[in-house]
Amino acid sequence: MEHAPIVVHRVSPSGGRRVSLRAGGRETVLGVAHSDPDVIEFLRRAEVPDPDEVVLGGAVPQIEWQGDAPHVYEAEPAATDLP
């Protein structure tokens, strides 16, 4: 099974998601995104063609959204037992 070339990792506890690009057998971290426009900008800087289309609705999935729902960048609040 071939993996998507772009990986948006799970949301960190403090918010944001690491974005990486797989190419040539290596994975390069592009940055930590806090929104879709951040991901688009990272991909633009990495010279990925049509980054808007890749993030917001490409016909062929090029992004692997790991651990959390796509387009979510904030951690879920911790469950607390308040009296």
N, C-alpha and C. Protein backbone atom coordinates (compact mmCIF):
# COMPACT_ATOMS: atom_id res chain seq x y z
N MET A 1 0.85 -1.19 0.00
CA MET A 1 0.00 0.00 0.00
C MET A 1 0.89 1.24 0.00
N GLU A 2 0.61 2.17 -0.90
CA GLU A 2 1.38 3.39 -0.98
C GLU A 2 0.77 4.45 -0.06
N HIS A 3 1.64 5.18 0.63
CA HIS A 3 1.18 6.22 1.55
C HIS A 3 1.02 7.54 0.81
N ALA A 4 0.14 8.39 1.34
CA ALA A 4 -0.02 9.73 0.79
C ALA A 4 1.29 10.49 0.97
N PRO A 5 1.63 11.36 0.02
CA PRO A 5 2.90 12.09 0.12
C PRO A 5 2.90 13.20 1.17
N ILE A 6 1.71 13.64 1.57
CA ILE A 6 1.60 14.72 2.56
C ILE A 6 0.92 14.14 3.79
N VAL A 7 1.51 14.41 4.97
CA VAL A 7 0.96 13.89 6.21
C VAL A 7 0.65 15.06 7.13
N VAL A 8 -0.59 15.12 7.62
CA VAL A 8 -0.97 16.06 8.66
C VAL A 8 -1.17 15.20 9.90
N HIS A 9 -0.24 15.34 10.84
CA HIS A 9 -0.21 14.49 12.02
C HIS A 9 -1.30 14.88 13.03
N ARG A 10 -1.46 14.04 14.04
CA ARG A 10 -2.50 14.28 15.04
C ARG A 10 -2.32 15.63 15.73
N VAL A 11 -3.41 16.16 16.26
CA VAL A 11 -3.39 17.45 16.97
C VAL A 11 -2.54 17.30 18.23
N SER A 12 -1.66 18.25 18.47
CA SER A 12 -0.85 18.22 19.70
C SER A 12 -1.71 18.70 20.86
N PRO A 13 -1.36 18.34 22.09
CA PRO A 13 -2.16 18.77 23.25
C PRO A 13 -2.30 20.29 23.35
N SER A 14 -1.31 21.03 22.85
CA SER A 14 -1.39 22.49 22.92
C SER A 14 -2.02 23.09 21.67
N GLY A 15 -2.44 22.25 20.73
CA GLY A 15 -3.06 22.71 19.49
C GLY A 15 -2.07 22.73 18.35
N GLY A 16 -2.58 22.68 17.14
CA GLY A 16 -1.75 22.65 15.96
C GLY A 16 -1.39 21.24 15.55
N ARG A 17 -1.05 21.09 14.29
CA ARG A 17 -0.70 19.78 13.73
C ARG A 17 0.57 19.90 12.92
N ARG A 18 1.50 18.98 13.14
CA ARG A 18 2.72 18.95 12.36
C ARG A 18 2.37 18.49 10.94
N VAL A 19 2.99 19.12 9.96
CA VAL A 19 2.77 18.79 8.55
C VAL A 19 4.10 18.33 7.96
N SER A 20 4.07 17.17 7.29
CA SER A 20 5.31 16.68 6.69
C SER A 20 5.06 16.22 5.26
N LEU A 21 6.14 16.16 4.51
CA LEU A 21 6.10 15.78 3.10
C LEU A 21 7.02 14.58 2.91
N ARG A 22 6.47 13.51 2.31
CA ARG A 22 7.25 12.31 2.03
C ARG A 22 7.71 12.37 0.58
N ALA A 23 9.02 12.25 0.38
CA ALA A 23 9.57 12.24 -0.99
C ALA A 23 10.94 11.58 -0.95
N GLY A 24 11.21 10.78 -1.96
CA GLY A 24 12.51 10.15 -2.07
C GLY A 24 12.88 9.29 -0.88
N GLY A 25 11.90 8.65 -0.25
CA GLY A 25 12.17 7.80 0.89
C GLY A 25 12.44 8.55 2.18
N ARG A 26 12.22 9.85 2.18
CA ARG A 26 12.43 10.68 3.38
C ARG A 26 11.17 11.42 3.73
N GLU A 27 11.05 11.79 4.99
CA GLU A 27 9.92 12.61 5.44
C GLU A 27 10.48 13.91 6.00
N THR A 28 10.05 15.03 5.43
CA THR A 28 10.52 16.35 5.82
C THR A 28 9.40 17.10 6.51
N VAL A 29 9.66 17.61 7.71
CA VAL A 29 8.65 18.40 8.43
C VAL A 29 8.62 19.80 7.81
N LEU A 30 7.41 20.22 7.43
CA LEU A 30 7.24 21.54 6.81
C LEU A 30 6.88 22.61 7.82
N GLY A 31 6.28 22.21 8.95
CA GLY A 31 5.91 23.18 9.98
C GLY A 31 4.75 22.66 10.81
N VAL A 32 4.26 23.52 11.70
CA VAL A 32 3.10 23.20 12.54
C VAL A 32 1.96 24.12 12.10
N ALA A 33 0.88 23.50 11.65
CA ALA A 33 -0.26 24.25 11.13
C ALA A 33 -1.33 24.43 12.22
N HIS A 34 -1.94 25.59 12.21
CA HIS A 34 -3.05 25.88 13.11
C HIS A 34 -4.34 26.14 12.33
N SER A 35 -4.26 25.95 10.99
CA SER A 35 -5.42 26.16 10.13
C SER A 35 -5.12 25.62 8.74
N ASP A 36 -6.16 25.47 7.93
CA ASP A 36 -5.96 25.05 6.53
C ASP A 36 -5.06 26.02 5.77
N PRO A 37 -5.23 27.36 5.94
CA PRO A 37 -4.32 28.27 5.23
C PRO A 37 -2.85 28.04 5.58
N ASP A 38 -2.55 27.61 6.81
CA ASP A 38 -1.17 27.29 7.17
C ASP A 38 -0.67 26.11 6.34
N VAL A 39 -1.49 25.06 6.24
CA VAL A 39 -1.10 23.87 5.47
C VAL A 39 -0.87 24.28 4.01
N ILE A 40 -1.78 25.07 3.46
CA ILE A 40 -1.65 25.52 2.07
C ILE A 40 -0.35 26.29 1.88
N GLU A 41 0.00 27.15 2.80
CA GLU A 41 1.23 27.93 2.69
C GLU A 41 2.47 27.03 2.76
N PHE A 42 2.47 26.06 3.66
CA PHE A 42 3.60 25.12 3.74
C PHE A 42 3.78 24.38 2.41
N LEU A 43 2.66 23.94 1.83
CA LEU A 43 2.73 23.21 0.57
C LEU A 43 3.17 24.12 -0.58
N ARG A 44 2.71 25.36 -0.55
CA ARG A 44 3.15 26.33 -1.58
C ARG A 44 4.66 26.52 -1.51
N ARG A 45 5.19 26.69 -0.30
CA ARG A 45 6.63 26.87 -0.12
C ARG A 45 7.42 25.63 -0.55
N ALA A 46 6.80 24.45 -0.41
CA ALA A 46 7.45 23.20 -0.82
C ALA A 46 7.24 22.93 -2.31
N GLU A 47 6.61 23.89 -2.99
CA GLU A 47 6.37 23.83 -4.44
C GLU A 47 5.47 22.66 -4.86
N VAL A 48 4.49 22.35 -3.99
CA VAL A 48 3.48 21.35 -4.34
C VAL A 48 2.48 22.03 -5.28
N PRO A 49 2.21 21.44 -6.44
CA PRO A 49 1.26 22.06 -7.38
C PRO A 49 -0.15 22.16 -6.79
N ASP A 50 -0.83 23.26 -7.02
CA ASP A 50 -2.21 23.50 -6.60
C ASP A 50 -2.46 23.17 -5.13
N PRO A 51 -1.75 23.80 -4.22
CA PRO A 51 -1.92 23.45 -2.80
C PRO A 51 -3.32 23.68 -2.27
N ASP A 52 -4.04 24.69 -2.78
CA ASP A 52 -5.42 24.92 -2.34
C ASP A 52 -6.29 23.70 -2.64
N GLU A 53 -6.16 23.19 -3.86
CA GLU A 53 -6.94 22.04 -4.28
C GLU A 53 -6.56 20.79 -3.49
N VAL A 54 -5.28 20.64 -3.20
CA VAL A 54 -4.80 19.48 -2.44
C VAL A 54 -5.45 19.45 -1.05
N VAL A 55 -5.48 20.61 -0.39
CA VAL A 55 -5.99 20.68 0.99
C VAL A 55 -7.51 20.71 1.03
N LEU A 56 -8.12 21.45 0.12
CA LEU A 56 -9.56 21.71 0.25
C LEU A 56 -10.45 20.85 -0.65
N GLY A 57 -9.89 19.89 -1.36
CA GLY A 57 -10.81 19.06 -2.11
C GLY A 57 -10.27 18.38 -3.34
N GLY A 58 -9.03 17.98 -3.33
CA GLY A 58 -8.47 17.28 -4.47
C GLY A 58 -9.21 15.98 -4.72
N ALA A 59 -9.36 15.64 -5.98
CA ALA A 59 -10.06 14.40 -6.35
C ALA A 59 -9.26 13.18 -5.90
N VAL A 60 -7.94 13.24 -6.02
CA VAL A 60 -7.09 12.13 -5.58
C VAL A 60 -6.52 12.51 -4.22
N PRO A 61 -6.81 11.73 -3.17
CA PRO A 61 -6.30 12.09 -1.84
C PRO A 61 -4.77 12.08 -1.80
N GLN A 62 -4.21 13.22 -1.52
CA GLN A 62 -2.76 13.35 -1.40
C GLN A 62 -2.35 13.59 0.04
N ILE A 63 -3.35 13.77 0.92
CA ILE A 63 -3.06 14.06 2.32
C ILE A 63 -3.54 12.91 3.18
N GLU A 64 -2.68 12.49 4.09
CA GLU A 64 -3.05 11.52 5.11
C GLU A 64 -3.26 12.31 6.40
N TRP A 65 -4.52 12.38 6.86
CA TRP A 65 -4.85 13.08 8.10
C TRP A 65 -4.77 12.05 9.22
N GLN A 66 -3.76 12.13 10.06
CA GLN A 66 -3.54 11.12 11.09
C GLN A 66 -4.18 11.50 12.42
N GLY A 67 -4.84 10.52 13.04
CA GLY A 67 -5.26 10.63 14.43
C GLY A 67 -6.50 11.46 14.72
N ASP A 68 -6.81 12.43 13.93
CA ASP A 68 -7.94 13.32 14.18
C ASP A 68 -8.65 13.60 12.86
N ALA A 69 -9.83 14.18 12.95
CA ALA A 69 -10.60 14.49 11.76
C ALA A 69 -9.86 15.53 10.90
N PRO A 70 -10.02 15.44 9.59
CA PRO A 70 -9.42 16.46 8.72
C PRO A 70 -9.91 17.87 9.09
N HIS A 71 -9.02 18.83 8.92
CA HIS A 71 -9.33 20.25 9.09
C HIS A 71 -9.59 20.64 10.55
N VAL A 72 -9.21 19.81 11.50
CA VAL A 72 -9.32 20.11 12.94
C VAL A 72 -7.92 20.39 13.45
N TYR A 73 -7.74 21.52 14.16
CA TYR A 73 -6.41 21.93 14.58
C TYR A 73 -6.30 22.20 16.08
N GLU A 74 -7.41 22.11 16.78
CA GLU A 74 -7.40 22.36 18.23
C GLU A 74 -7.64 21.06 18.97
N ALA A 75 -6.93 20.88 20.08
CA ALA A 75 -7.11 19.70 20.91
C ALA A 75 -8.47 19.75 21.60
N GLU A 76 -9.05 18.57 21.77
CA GLU A 76 -10.31 18.48 22.52
C GLU A 76 -10.03 18.83 23.97
N PRO A 77 -10.93 19.59 24.60
CA PRO A 77 -10.70 19.89 26.02
C PRO A 77 -10.75 18.60 26.84
N ALA A 78 -9.90 18.54 27.85
CA ALA A 78 -9.87 17.36 28.71
C ALA A 78 -11.17 17.25 29.49
N ALA A 79 -11.63 16.03 29.63
CA ALA A 79 -12.84 15.81 30.42
C ALA A 79 -12.51 16.01 31.90
N THR A 80 -13.33 16.78 32.56
CA THR A 80 -13.11 17.00 33.99
C THR A 80 -14.38 16.67 34.73
N ASP A 81 -14.19 16.21 35.93
CA ASP A 81 -15.34 15.92 36.80
C ASP A 81 -15.54 17.09 37.72
N LEU A 82 -16.44 17.97 37.35
CA LEU A 82 -16.73 19.12 38.21
C LEU A 82 -17.97 18.81 39.03
N PRO A 83 -17.93 19.17 40.29
CA PRO A 83 -19.13 18.89 41.13
C PRO A 83 -20.31 19.75 40.76
